[in-house]
Amino acid sequence: MRFEDKAGGVNESGGGLEPELALALRDFRLSVQAWSAAAYSRPRKAAATARRSLWRLASAWALGCALLAAGVSSGIYHHGNRQQAVASQLPRQEMKVASRRAAEPERSVVERPDQRANKVEEDLLAKVDGDVSRQVPAVMEPLAQLMDGDVTE
């Protein structure tokens, strides 16, 4: 069904409408049709946009991978430094335990087996206590190492 049929049987010649109105409607219809034909036939920029978004996507993935690699390597580096700091503390703690043992007087020359077991347990507990106890937090460890030379114990 056409517009003219809906408008009360108006045909192309403008049968039921005033001639000026019929001419205006015909011109409007022709301009809308010309605009639609031009809009559908003009070149599109979809291909250029797709290439640009592809590069953006690739660069975003590359940047994300680089940030991930930097974060992982930084964590590994700090973990290694922490392990090294703990390993450097062990000799000092062992020296403290040895100095405590040297300061203790020997009680008897002959030891019973249960006394030897107690001494082994005490040594083990002292070593565990030295390994577990920490004088400063791990974050402050480099500063504590600088201060170890100045502080007398």
C-alpha atoms as a PDB file:
ATOM      1  CA  MET A   1       0.000   0.000   0.000  1.00  0.00           C
ATOM      2  CA  ARG A   2       1.356   3.381  -0.959  1.00  0.00           C
ATOM      3  CA  PHE A   3       1.194   6.663   0.895  1.00  0.00           C
ATOM      4  CA  GLU A   4      -1.185   8.144  -1.655  1.00  0.00           C
ATOM      5  CA  ASP A   5      -3.619   5.276  -1.092  1.00  0.00           C
ATOM      6  CA  LYS A   6      -3.554   5.847   2.670  1.00  0.00           C
ATOM      7  CA  ALA A   7      -4.052   9.582   2.213  1.00  0.00           C
ATOM      8  CA  GLY A   8      -7.440   9.117   0.580  1.00  0.00           C
ATOM      9  CA  GLY A   9      -6.755   8.043  -2.973  1.00  0.00           C
ATOM     10  CA  VAL A  10      -4.257  10.746  -3.874  1.00  0.00           C
ATOM     11  CA  ASN A  11      -2.266   9.750  -6.934  1.00  0.00           C
ATOM     12  CA  GLU A  12       0.925  11.116  -8.500  1.00  0.00           C
ATOM     13  CA  SER A  13      -0.907  13.935 -10.166  1.00  0.00           C
ATOM     14  CA  GLY A  14      -2.224  15.063  -6.773  1.00  0.00           C
ATOM     15  CA  GLY A  15      -5.864  14.183  -7.458  1.00  0.00           C
ATOM     16  CA  GLY A  16      -7.420  15.050  -4.059  1.00  0.00           C
ATOM     17  CA  LEU A  17      -4.819  17.535  -2.761  1.00  0.00           C
ATOM     18  CA  GLU A  18      -3.966  21.031  -3.667  1.00  0.00           C
ATOM     19  CA  PRO A  19      -1.367  21.191  -6.449  1.00  0.00           C
ATOM     20  CA  GLU A  20       1.199  22.982  -4.259  1.00  0.00           C
ATOM     21  CA  LEU A  21       0.934  20.348  -1.529  1.00  0.00           C
ATOM     22  CA  ALA A  22       1.156  17.503  -4.029  1.00  0.00           C
ATOM     23  CA  LEU A  23       4.256  19.070  -5.551  1.00  0.00           C
ATOM     24  CA  ALA A  24       5.861  19.516  -2.108  1.00  0.00           C
ATOM     25  CA  LEU A  25       5.159  15.892  -1.149  1.00  0.00           C
ATOM     26  CA  ARG A  26       6.544  14.634  -4.459  1.00  0.00           C
ATOM     27  CA  ASP A  27       9.713  16.709  -4.044  1.00  0.00           C
ATOM     28  CA  PHE A  28      10.106  15.503  -0.459  1.00  0.00           C
ATOM     29  CA  ARG A  29       9.706  11.861  -1.509  1.00  0.00           C
ATOM     30  CA  LEU A  30      12.256  12.281  -4.295  1.00  0.00           C
ATOM     31  CA  SER A  31      14.763  13.947  -1.958  1.00  0.00           C
ATOM     32  CA  VAL A  32      14.371  11.163   0.639  1.00  0.00           C
ATOM     33  CA  GLN A  33      14.904   8.516  -2.028  1.00  0.00           C
ATOM     34  CA  ALA A  34      17.974  10.349  -3.385  1.00  0.00           C
ATOM     35  CA  TRP A  35      19.405  10.689   0.123  1.00  0.00           C
ATOM     36  CA  SER A  36      18.843   6.968   0.854  1.00  0.00           C
ATOM     37  CA  ALA A  37      20.505   5.933  -2.416  1.00  0.00           C
ATOM     38  CA  ALA A  38      23.498   8.171  -1.667  1.00  0.00           C
ATOM     39  CA  ALA A  39      23.778   6.893   1.917  1.00  0.00           C
ATOM     40  CA  TYR A  40      23.776   3.251   0.834  1.00  0.00           C
ATOM     41  CA  SER A  41      26.235   3.760  -2.040  1.00  0.00           C
ATOM     42  CA  ARG A  42      28.883   5.868  -0.251  1.00  0.00           C
ATOM     43  CA  PRO A  43      32.184   4.137   0.666  1.00  0.00           C
ATOM     44  CA  ARG A  44      32.509   2.818   4.222  1.00  0.00           C
ATOM     45  CA  LYS A  45      35.474   3.099   6.582  1.00  0.00           C
ATOM     46  CA  ALA A  46      34.939  -0.227   8.321  1.00  0.00           C
ATOM     47  CA  ALA A  47      38.166  -1.789   7.014  1.00  0.00           C
ATOM     48  CA  ALA A  48      40.355   1.058   8.306  1.00  0.00           C
ATOM     49  CA  THR A  49      38.685   0.916  11.708  1.00  0.00           C
ATOM     50  CA  ALA A  50      39.219  -2.817  11.927  1.00  0.00           C
ATOM     51  CA  ARG A  51      42.938  -2.465  11.254  1.00  0.00           C
ATOM     52  CA  ARG A  52      43.278   0.271  13.852  1.00  0.00           C
ATOM     53  CA  SER A  53      41.473  -1.756  16.486  1.00  0.00           C
ATOM     54  CA  LEU A  54      43.615  -4.786  15.635  1.00  0.00           C
ATOM     55  CA  TRP A  55      46.780  -2.809  16.354  1.00  0.00           C
ATOM     56  CA  ARG A  56      45.278  -1.494  19.572  1.00  0.00           C
ATOM     57  CA  LEU A  57      44.402  -4.988  20.658  1.00  0.00           C
ATOM     58  CA  ALA A  58      47.872  -6.309  19.819  1.00  0.00           C
ATOM     59  CA  SER A  59      49.606  -3.450  21.620  1.00  0.00           C
ATOM     60  CA  ALA A  60      47.377  -3.897  24.669  1.00  0.00           C
ATOM     61  CA  TRP A  61      48.269  -7.597  24.838  1.00  0.00           C
ATOM     62  CA  ALA A  62      51.984  -6.819  24.436  1.00  0.00           C
ATOM     63  CA  LEU A  63      51.871  -4.206  27.184  1.00  0.00           C
ATOM     64  CA  GLY A  64      49.962  -6.552  29.470  1.00  0.00           C
ATOM     65  CA  CYS A  65      52.477  -9.352  28.913  1.00  0.00           C
ATOM     66  CA  ALA A  66      55.382  -6.979  29.572  1.00  0.00           C
ATOM     67  CA  LEU A  67      53.803  -5.803  32.839  1.00  0.00           C
ATOM     68  CA  LEU A  68      53.151  -9.378  33.905  1.00  0.00           C
ATOM     69  CA  ALA A  69      56.748 -10.395  33.156  1.00  0.00           C
ATOM     70  CA  ALA A  70      58.060  -7.382  35.095  1.00  0.00           C
ATOM     71  CA  GLY A  71      55.899  -8.214  38.100  1.00  0.00           C
ATOM     72  CA  VAL A  72      56.936 -11.857  38.162  1.00  0.00           C
ATOM     73  CA  SER A  73      60.649 -11.080  37.766  1.00  0.00           C
ATOM     74  CA  SER A  74      60.439  -8.442  40.493  1.00  0.00           C
ATOM     75  CA  GLY A  75      58.831 -10.943  42.855  1.00  0.00           C
ATOM     76  CA  ILE A  76      61.509 -13.532  42.118  1.00  0.00           C
ATOM     77  CA  TYR A  77      64.247 -10.945  42.667  1.00  0.00           C
ATOM     78  CA  HIS A  78      62.844  -9.852  46.038  1.00  0.00           C
ATOM     79  CA  HIS A  79      62.324 -13.438  47.124  1.00  0.00           C
ATOM     80  CA  GLY A  80      65.976 -14.197  46.319  1.00  0.00           C
ATOM     81  CA  ASN A  81      67.120 -11.163  48.302  1.00  0.00           C
ATOM     82  CA  ARG A  82      65.014 -12.247  51.272  1.00  0.00           C
ATOM     83  CA  GLN A  83      66.480 -15.772  51.145  1.00  0.00           C
ATOM     84  CA  GLN A  84      69.966 -14.308  50.985  1.00  0.00           C
ATOM     85  CA  ALA A  85      69.282 -12.089  54.007  1.00  0.00           C
ATOM     86  CA  VAL A  86      67.995 -15.048  56.007  1.00  0.00           C
ATOM     87  CA  ALA A  87      71.030 -17.096  55.006  1.00  0.00           C
ATOM     88  CA  SER A  88      73.354 -14.294  56.124  1.00  0.00           C
ATOM     89  CA  GLN A  89      71.672 -14.257  59.557  1.00  0.00           C
ATOM     90  CA  LEU A  90      72.226 -17.949  60.205  1.00  0.00           C
ATOM     91  CA  PRO A  91      75.997 -17.740  60.891  1.00  0.00           C
ATOM     92  CA  ARG A  92      75.470 -14.937  63.413  1.00  0.00           C
ATOM     93  CA  GLN A  93      72.800 -16.923  65.220  1.00  0.00           C
ATOM     94  CA  GLU A  94      74.995 -20.022  65.249  1.00  0.00           C
ATOM     95  CA  MET A  95      77.816 -17.935  66.734  1.00  0.00           C
ATOM     96  CA  LYS A  96      75.464 -16.733  69.485  1.00  0.00           C
ATOM     97  CA  VAL A  97      74.483 -20.325  70.286  1.00  0.00           C
ATOM     98  CA  ALA A  98      78.158 -21.367  70.336  1.00  0.00           C
ATOM     99  CA  SER A  99      79.052 -18.490  72.672  1.00  0.00           C
ATOM    100  CA  ARG A 100      76.216 -19.523  75.033  1.00  0.00           C
ATOM    101  CA  ARG A 101      77.502 -23.074  75.056  1.00  0.00           C
ATOM    102  CA  ALA A 102      81.033 -21.894  75.771  1.00  0.00           C
ATOM    103  CA  ALA A 103      79.776 -19.736  78.636  1.00  0.00           C
ATOM    104  CA  GLU A 104      77.999 -22.676  80.285  1.00  0.00           C
ATOM    105  CA  PRO A 105      80.284 -24.569  82.648  1.00  0.00           C
ATOM    106  CA  GLU A 106      80.565 -28.299  82.182  1.00  0.00           C
ATOM    107  CA  ARG A 107      78.665 -29.961  85.003  1.00  0.00           C
ATOM    108  CA  SER A 108      80.175 -33.356  84.916  1.00  0.00           C
ATOM    109  CA  VAL A 109      82.775 -35.158  82.893  1.00  0.00           C
ATOM    110  CA  VAL A 110      80.715 -38.294  82.564  1.00  0.00           C
ATOM    111  CA  GLU A 111      77.316 -37.789  80.999  1.00  0.00           C
ATOM    112  CA  ARG A 112      74.505 -40.230  81.112  1.00  0.00           C
ATOM    113  CA  PRO A 113      72.654 -41.115  77.866  1.00  0.00           C
ATOM    114  CA  ASP A 114      69.548 -39.225  78.959  1.00  0.00           C
ATOM    115  CA  GLN A 115      71.654 -36.107  79.640  1.00  0.00           C
ATOM    116  CA  ARG A 116      73.162 -36.347  76.143  1.00  0.00           C
ATOM    117  CA  ALA A 117      69.653 -36.617  74.674  1.00  0.00           C
ATOM    118  CA  ASN A 118      68.564 -33.570  76.659  1.00  0.00           C
ATOM    119  CA  LYS A 119      71.605 -31.631  75.444  1.00  0.00           C
ATOM    120  CA  VAL A 120      70.878 -32.603  71.823  1.00  0.00           C
ATOM    121  CA  GLU A 121      67.272 -31.525  72.270  1.00  0.00           C
ATOM    122  CA  GLU A 122      68.358 -28.235  73.838  1.00  0.00           C
ATOM    123  CA  ASP A 123      70.791 -27.593  70.976  1.00  0.00           C
ATOM    124  CA  LEU A 124      68.092 -28.388  68.446  1.00  0.00           C
ATOM    125  CA  LEU A 125      65.588 -26.137  70.200  1.00  0.00           C
ATOM    126  CA  ALA A 126      68.169 -23.336  70.383  1.00  0.00           C
ATOM    127  CA  LYS A 127      68.852 -23.681  66.652  1.00  0.00           C
ATOM    128  CA  VAL A 128      65.131 -23.675  65.846  1.00  0.00           C
ATOM    129  CA  ASP A 129      64.619 -20.674  68.115  1.00  0.00           C
ATOM    130  CA  GLY A 130      67.455 -18.859  66.340  1.00  0.00           C
ATOM    131  CA  ASP A 131      66.030 -19.749  62.933  1.00  0.00           C
ATOM    132  CA  VAL A 132      62.463 -18.738  63.775  1.00  0.00           C
ATOM    133  CA  SER A 133      63.074 -15.618  65.843  1.00  0.00           C
ATOM    134  CA  ARG A 134      63.680 -12.417  63.984  1.00  0.00           C
ATOM    135  CA  GLN A 135      64.850  -9.203  65.549  1.00  0.00           C
ATOM    136  CA  VAL A 136      63.567  -6.913  62.802  1.00  0.00           C
ATOM    137  CA  PRO A 137      60.888  -7.262  60.106  1.00  0.00           C
ATOM    138  CA  ALA A 138      61.996  -8.506  56.710  1.00  0.00           C
ATOM    139  CA  VAL A 139      61.421  -5.066  55.187  1.00  0.00           C
ATOM    140  CA  MET A 140      63.893  -3.477  57.618  1.00  0.00           C
ATOM    141  CA  GLU A 141      66.515  -6.209  57.135  1.00  0.00           C
ATOM    142  CA  PRO A 142      68.931  -4.112  54.984  1.00  0.00           C
ATOM    143  CA  LEU A 143      68.962  -1.372  57.624  1.00  0.00           C
ATOM    144  CA  ALA A 144      69.542  -3.931  60.366  1.00  0.00           C
ATOM    145  CA  GLN A 145      72.514  -5.330  58.485  1.00  0.00           C
ATOM    146  CA  LEU A 146      74.002  -1.824  58.296  1.00  0.00           C
ATOM    147  CA  MET A 147      73.516  -1.407  62.041  1.00  0.00           C
ATOM    148  CA  ASP A 148      75.072  -4.773  63.010  1.00  0.00           C
ATOM    149  CA  GLY A 149      78.588  -3.365  62.674  1.00  0.00           C
ATOM    150  CA  ASP A 150      77.863  -0.462  65.030  1.00  0.00           C
ATOM    151  CA  VAL A 151      75.911  -2.202  67.796  1.00  0.00           C
ATOM    152  CA  THR A 152      77.758  -4.207  70.459  1.00  0.00           C
ATOM    153  CA  GLU A 153      75.960  -7.170  71.928  1.00  0.00           C
END
